[in-house]
C-alpha cells in the first residue's frame, strides 16, 4: 500500500510501553482544528504538512509513534519518514478513533 512496511502499534502496546517505563515520542499529525477536539495524553502536535520540514526533529534515540484520526495520514507520514532514513517510527492502529474505541483517555484543552 505505502511501498514500505509500516510498523504499527496498538493502544494496548502503548499501554504496555507506559507500564514498562519505555520512552517514546507521541506525535499527532492532524490539523489544529482537529486537535482542538482532543488529543492523546502527552502528544506533541506536528501537523502532517509540517512533517517534511521537521523530520530531522523526529530522528533520535526514542521510538516515534504517529497518529491521526484513523491511521491513514499517520501511515503516510511513517512511510515518508522511513524513506528519509528514520527507522524507529510506528503508526498507531486506528488513530485517535481506535484509541477512543479501546477506552483510552483523550485530553482536551478546555
N, C-alpha and C. Protein backbone atom coordinates (compact mmCIF):
# COMPACT_ATOMS: atom_id res chain seq x y z
N UNK A 1 0.82 -1.20 0.00
CA UNK A 1 0.00 0.00 0.00
C UNK A 1 0.86 1.26 0.00
N UNK A 2 1.84 1.33 0.92
CA UNK A 2 2.69 2.51 1.01
C UNK A 2 4.03 2.32 0.31
N UNK A 3 4.38 1.12 -0.08
CA UNK A 3 5.67 0.87 -0.71
C UNK A 3 6.74 0.43 0.27
N UNK A 4 6.54 0.71 1.54
CA UNK A 4 7.45 0.24 2.58
C UNK A 4 6.60 -0.36 3.69
N UNK A 5 7.18 -1.30 4.42
CA UNK A 5 6.45 -1.91 5.53
C UNK A 5 6.35 -0.90 6.67
N UNK A 6 5.14 -0.67 7.11
CA UNK A 6 4.91 0.28 8.19
C UNK A 6 4.76 -0.51 9.49
N UNK A 7 5.53 -0.12 10.49
CA UNK A 7 5.40 -0.73 11.80
C UNK A 7 4.18 -0.12 12.48
N UNK A 8 3.32 -0.96 13.01
CA UNK A 8 2.13 -0.47 13.67
C UNK A 8 2.11 -0.89 15.13
N UNK A 9 1.55 -0.03 15.96
CA UNK A 9 1.36 -0.34 17.37
C UNK A 9 -0.11 -0.14 17.71
N UNK A 10 -0.58 -0.87 18.69
CA UNK A 10 -1.96 -0.76 19.13
C UNK A 10 -2.03 0.08 20.41
N UNK A 11 -3.23 0.53 20.77
CA UNK A 11 -3.36 1.22 22.06
C UNK A 11 -2.83 0.35 23.21
N UNK A 12 -3.07 -0.95 23.13
CA UNK A 12 -2.59 -1.88 24.16
C UNK A 12 -1.06 -1.86 24.23
N UNK A 13 -0.40 -1.82 23.07
CA UNK A 13 1.07 -1.76 23.05
C UNK A 13 1.57 -0.51 23.77
N UNK A 14 0.94 0.64 23.50
CA UNK A 14 1.37 1.88 24.17
C UNK A 14 1.13 1.80 25.67
N UNK A 15 0.04 1.17 26.06
CA UNK A 15 -0.22 0.98 27.49
C UNK A 15 0.89 0.13 28.12
N UNK A 16 1.32 -0.92 27.41
CA UNK A 16 2.42 -1.76 27.91
C UNK A 16 3.72 -0.98 27.98
N UNK A 17 4.00 -0.18 26.93
CA UNK A 17 5.22 0.64 26.95
C UNK A 17 5.21 1.58 28.15
N UNK A 18 4.05 2.20 28.42
CA UNK A 18 3.94 3.11 29.57
C UNK A 18 4.18 2.35 30.87
N UNK A 19 3.60 1.17 31.01
CA UNK A 19 3.77 0.36 32.22
C UNK A 19 5.23 -0.04 32.43
N UNK A 20 5.94 -0.27 31.32
CA UNK A 20 7.36 -0.64 31.39
C UNK A 20 8.27 0.57 31.60
N UNK A 21 7.70 1.77 31.47
CA UNK A 21 8.51 2.97 31.57
C UNK A 21 9.32 3.24 30.31
N UNK A 22 8.93 2.63 29.22
CA UNK A 22 9.63 2.81 27.95
C UNK A 22 9.35 4.21 27.40
N UNK A 23 10.40 4.90 27.02
CA UNK A 23 10.24 6.24 26.48
C UNK A 23 9.97 6.20 24.99
N UNK A 24 9.09 7.08 24.55
CA UNK A 24 8.79 7.22 23.12
C UNK A 24 8.18 8.60 22.92
N UNK A 25 8.20 9.05 21.67
CA UNK A 25 7.56 10.31 21.33
C UNK A 25 6.23 10.00 20.65
N UNK A 26 5.19 10.68 21.06
CA UNK A 26 3.86 10.50 20.50
C UNK A 26 3.52 11.77 19.73
N UNK A 27 3.29 11.63 18.43
CA UNK A 27 3.09 12.79 17.57
C UNK A 27 1.73 12.72 16.87
N UNK A 28 0.93 13.75 17.07
CA UNK A 28 -0.37 13.89 16.42
C UNK A 28 -0.15 14.69 15.14
N UNK A 29 -0.48 14.10 13.99
CA UNK A 29 -0.24 14.77 12.70
C UNK A 29 -1.51 15.44 12.15
N UNK A 30 -2.57 15.52 12.96
CA UNK A 30 -3.80 16.14 12.49
C UNK A 30 -3.68 17.67 12.47
N UNK A 31 -4.65 18.30 11.85
CA UNK A 31 -4.68 19.77 11.77
C UNK A 31 -5.02 20.37 13.14
N UNK A 32 -4.75 21.65 13.28
CA UNK A 32 -5.05 22.34 14.54
C UNK A 32 -6.55 22.27 14.85
N UNK A 33 -7.39 22.37 13.83
CA UNK A 33 -8.84 22.29 14.06
C UNK A 33 -9.22 20.92 14.61
N UNK A 34 -8.59 19.87 14.10
CA UNK A 34 -8.88 18.52 14.59
C UNK A 34 -8.39 18.32 16.02
N UNK A 35 -7.18 18.81 16.30
CA UNK A 35 -6.61 18.59 17.64
C UNK A 35 -7.35 19.39 18.71
N UNK A 36 -8.07 20.44 18.30
CA UNK A 36 -8.85 21.23 19.26
C UNK A 36 -9.94 20.38 19.91
N UNK A 37 -10.35 19.30 19.25
CA UNK A 37 -11.40 18.42 19.79
C UNK A 37 -10.84 17.41 20.79
N UNK A 38 -9.51 17.31 20.88
CA UNK A 38 -8.90 16.39 21.83
C UNK A 38 -7.70 15.67 21.25
N UNK A 39 -6.78 15.31 22.13
CA UNK A 39 -5.55 14.62 21.74
C UNK A 39 -5.26 13.51 22.74
N UNK A 40 -4.33 12.65 22.40
CA UNK A 40 -3.87 11.64 23.34
C UNK A 40 -3.00 12.31 24.40
N UNK A 41 -3.02 11.81 25.63
CA UNK A 41 -2.16 12.37 26.67
C UNK A 41 -0.69 12.36 26.24
N UNK A 42 0.00 13.46 26.47
CA UNK A 42 1.43 13.62 26.22
C UNK A 42 1.80 13.70 24.74
N UNK A 43 0.82 13.94 23.88
CA UNK A 43 1.12 14.02 22.44
C UNK A 43 1.72 15.38 22.08
N UNK A 44 2.64 15.33 21.12
CA UNK A 44 3.16 16.55 20.50
C UNK A 44 2.35 16.79 19.24
N UNK A 45 2.15 18.04 18.88
CA UNK A 45 1.37 18.35 17.69
C UNK A 45 2.31 18.81 16.58
N UNK A 46 2.37 18.00 15.51
CA UNK A 46 3.12 18.36 14.31
C UNK A 46 2.20 18.03 13.13
N UNK A 47 1.46 19.04 12.63
CA UNK A 47 0.55 18.77 11.51
C UNK A 47 1.26 18.09 10.34
N UNK A 48 0.54 17.23 9.65
CA UNK A 48 1.10 16.42 8.57
C UNK A 48 1.92 17.24 7.58
N UNK A 49 1.41 18.41 7.19
CA UNK A 49 2.11 19.21 6.18
C UNK A 49 3.47 19.74 6.67
N UNK A 50 3.71 19.69 7.98
CA UNK A 50 4.99 20.15 8.52
C UNK A 50 5.99 19.01 8.75
N UNK A 51 5.55 17.77 8.60
CA UNK A 51 6.45 16.63 8.83
C UNK A 51 7.71 16.71 7.96
N UNK A 52 7.60 17.01 6.65
CA UNK A 52 8.84 17.10 5.86
C UNK A 52 9.81 18.18 6.37
N UNK A 53 9.27 19.29 6.86
CA UNK A 53 10.12 20.37 7.36
C UNK A 53 10.74 20.05 8.72
N UNK A 54 10.07 19.21 9.49
CA UNK A 54 10.52 18.93 10.86
C UNK A 54 11.01 17.50 11.05
N UNK A 55 11.24 16.80 9.93
CA UNK A 55 11.62 15.39 10.01
C UNK A 55 12.88 15.15 10.84
N UNK A 56 13.84 16.08 10.75
CA UNK A 56 15.09 15.89 11.49
C UNK A 56 14.87 15.89 13.00
N UNK A 57 13.82 16.57 13.46
CA UNK A 57 13.49 16.58 14.89
C UNK A 57 13.03 15.20 15.36
N UNK A 58 12.53 14.39 14.42
CA UNK A 58 11.98 13.09 14.78
C UNK A 58 13.02 11.98 14.74
N UNK A 59 14.20 12.29 14.22
CA UNK A 59 15.30 11.32 14.21
C UNK A 59 16.00 11.43 15.56
N UNK A 60 15.94 10.38 16.32
CA UNK A 60 16.56 10.43 17.64
C UNK A 60 16.68 9.05 18.23
N UNK A 61 16.89 9.02 19.53
CA UNK A 61 17.10 7.73 20.19
C UNK A 61 15.81 7.12 20.74
N UNK A 62 14.68 7.81 20.59
CA UNK A 62 13.42 7.28 21.07
C UNK A 62 12.54 6.86 19.89
N UNK A 63 11.78 5.80 20.06
CA UNK A 63 10.80 5.46 19.02
C UNK A 63 9.80 6.61 18.89
N UNK A 64 9.27 6.78 17.68
CA UNK A 64 8.27 7.81 17.41
C UNK A 64 6.98 7.10 16.99
N UNK A 65 5.89 7.43 17.67
CA UNK A 65 4.58 6.90 17.33
C UNK A 65 3.75 8.04 16.78
N UNK A 66 3.26 7.87 15.55
CA UNK A 66 2.44 8.90 14.92
C UNK A 66 0.99 8.45 14.87
N UNK A 67 0.08 9.41 14.98
CA UNK A 67 -1.33 9.09 14.82
C UNK A 67 -2.09 10.26 14.21
N UNK A 68 -3.25 9.94 13.63
CA UNK A 68 -4.16 10.94 13.07
C UNK A 68 -5.56 10.53 13.51
N UNK A 69 -6.56 10.79 12.68
CA UNK A 69 -7.92 10.44 13.03
C UNK A 69 -8.14 8.92 12.99
N UNK A 70 -7.74 8.28 11.87
CA UNK A 70 -8.00 6.85 11.70
C UNK A 70 -6.74 6.03 11.40
N UNK A 71 -5.62 6.68 11.20
CA UNK A 71 -4.37 5.97 10.93
C UNK A 71 -3.87 6.08 9.50
N UNK A 72 -4.67 6.62 8.58
CA UNK A 72 -4.26 6.70 7.17
C UNK A 72 -3.17 7.76 6.95
N UNK A 73 -3.42 8.98 7.42
CA UNK A 73 -2.42 10.05 7.22
C UNK A 73 -1.15 9.79 8.01
N UNK A 74 -1.29 9.28 9.23
CA UNK A 74 -0.09 8.98 10.01
C UNK A 74 0.69 7.83 9.38
N UNK A 75 -0.01 6.92 8.71
CA UNK A 75 0.68 5.85 7.97
C UNK A 75 1.50 6.43 6.84
N UNK A 76 0.94 7.42 6.15
CA UNK A 76 1.69 8.10 5.08
C UNK A 76 2.91 8.80 5.65
N UNK A 77 2.75 9.43 6.81
CA UNK A 77 3.87 10.12 7.45
C UNK A 77 4.95 9.12 7.85
N UNK A 78 4.55 7.95 8.36
CA UNK A 78 5.52 6.91 8.72
C UNK A 78 6.28 6.46 7.48
N UNK A 79 5.56 6.24 6.39
CA UNK A 79 6.21 5.81 5.14
C UNK A 79 7.21 6.87 4.67
N UNK A 80 6.82 8.13 4.74
CA UNK A 80 7.72 9.21 4.35
C UNK A 80 8.98 9.21 5.21
N UNK A 81 8.81 9.12 6.52
CA UNK A 81 9.96 9.15 7.43
C UNK A 81 10.88 7.96 7.19
N UNK A 82 10.29 6.78 6.96
CA UNK A 82 11.10 5.60 6.63
C UNK A 82 11.92 5.85 5.37
N UNK A 83 11.30 6.45 4.36
CA UNK A 83 12.01 6.74 3.11
C UNK A 83 13.14 7.74 3.32
N UNK A 84 13.02 8.56 4.37
CA UNK A 84 14.05 9.54 4.70
C UNK A 84 15.13 8.96 5.61
N UNK A 85 15.02 7.67 5.92
CA UNK A 85 16.04 7.01 6.73
C UNK A 85 15.77 7.04 8.23
N UNK A 86 14.58 7.47 8.63
CA UNK A 86 14.22 7.48 10.04
C UNK A 86 13.44 6.19 10.29
N UNK A 87 14.07 5.25 10.99
CA UNK A 87 13.54 3.90 11.01
C UNK A 87 12.66 3.54 12.20
N UNK A 88 12.84 4.16 13.33
CA UNK A 88 12.10 3.75 14.53
C UNK A 88 10.79 4.52 14.65
N UNK A 89 9.95 4.42 13.59
CA UNK A 89 8.65 5.10 13.58
C UNK A 89 7.54 4.06 13.50
N UNK A 90 6.43 4.36 14.17
CA UNK A 90 5.32 3.42 14.27
C UNK A 90 4.01 4.17 14.08
N UNK A 91 3.06 3.52 13.44
CA UNK A 91 1.74 4.08 13.22
C UNK A 91 0.79 3.51 14.27
N UNK A 92 0.01 4.37 14.92
CA UNK A 92 -0.99 3.90 15.88
C UNK A 92 -2.19 3.37 15.12
N UNK A 93 -2.44 2.08 15.25
CA UNK A 93 -3.54 1.42 14.54
C UNK A 93 -4.87 2.09 14.91
N UNK A 94 -5.61 2.52 13.89
CA UNK A 94 -6.93 3.11 14.13
C UNK A 94 -6.92 4.56 14.53
N UNK A 95 -5.73 5.15 14.72
CA UNK A 95 -5.63 6.56 15.11
C UNK A 95 -6.34 6.85 16.42
N UNK A 96 -6.77 8.11 16.56
CA UNK A 96 -7.43 8.51 17.80
C UNK A 96 -8.80 7.85 17.93
N UNK A 97 -9.41 7.49 16.80
CA UNK A 97 -10.68 6.77 16.84
C UNK A 97 -10.49 5.39 17.48
N UNK A 98 -9.45 4.68 17.05
CA UNK A 98 -9.15 3.37 17.62
C UNK A 98 -8.78 3.48 19.10
N UNK A 99 -8.06 4.54 19.43
CA UNK A 99 -7.69 4.80 20.82
C UNK A 99 -8.95 4.96 21.68
N UNK A 100 -9.87 5.80 21.23
CA UNK A 100 -11.10 6.05 21.98
C UNK A 100 -11.95 4.77 22.08
N UNK A 101 -12.01 4.01 20.98
CA UNK A 101 -12.79 2.77 20.99
C UNK A 101 -12.21 1.75 21.96
N UNK A 102 -10.89 1.85 22.22
CA UNK A 102 -10.25 0.95 23.17
C UNK A 102 -10.45 1.43 24.62
N UNK A 103 -11.20 2.54 24.78
CA UNK A 103 -11.49 3.05 26.10
C UNK A 103 -10.38 3.86 26.73
N UNK A 104 -9.44 4.33 25.91
CA UNK A 104 -8.30 5.10 26.42
C UNK A 104 -8.67 6.59 26.54
N UNK A 105 -7.97 7.32 27.38
CA UNK A 105 -8.33 8.73 27.62
C UNK A 105 -7.93 9.66 26.48
N UNK A 106 -8.74 10.68 26.30
CA UNK A 106 -8.45 11.76 25.36
C UNK A 106 -8.49 13.06 26.16
N UNK A 107 -7.49 13.92 25.92
CA UNK A 107 -7.34 15.16 26.66
C UNK A 107 -7.81 16.32 25.80
N UNK A 108 -8.59 17.22 26.39
CA UNK A 108 -8.98 18.44 25.70
C UNK A 108 -8.39 19.63 26.45
N UNK A 109 -8.26 20.72 25.76
CA UNK A 109 -7.65 21.91 26.38
C UNK A 109 -8.64 22.71 27.20
N UNK A 110 -9.89 22.32 27.22
CA UNK A 110 -10.92 23.09 27.96
C UNK A 110 -10.80 22.89 29.45
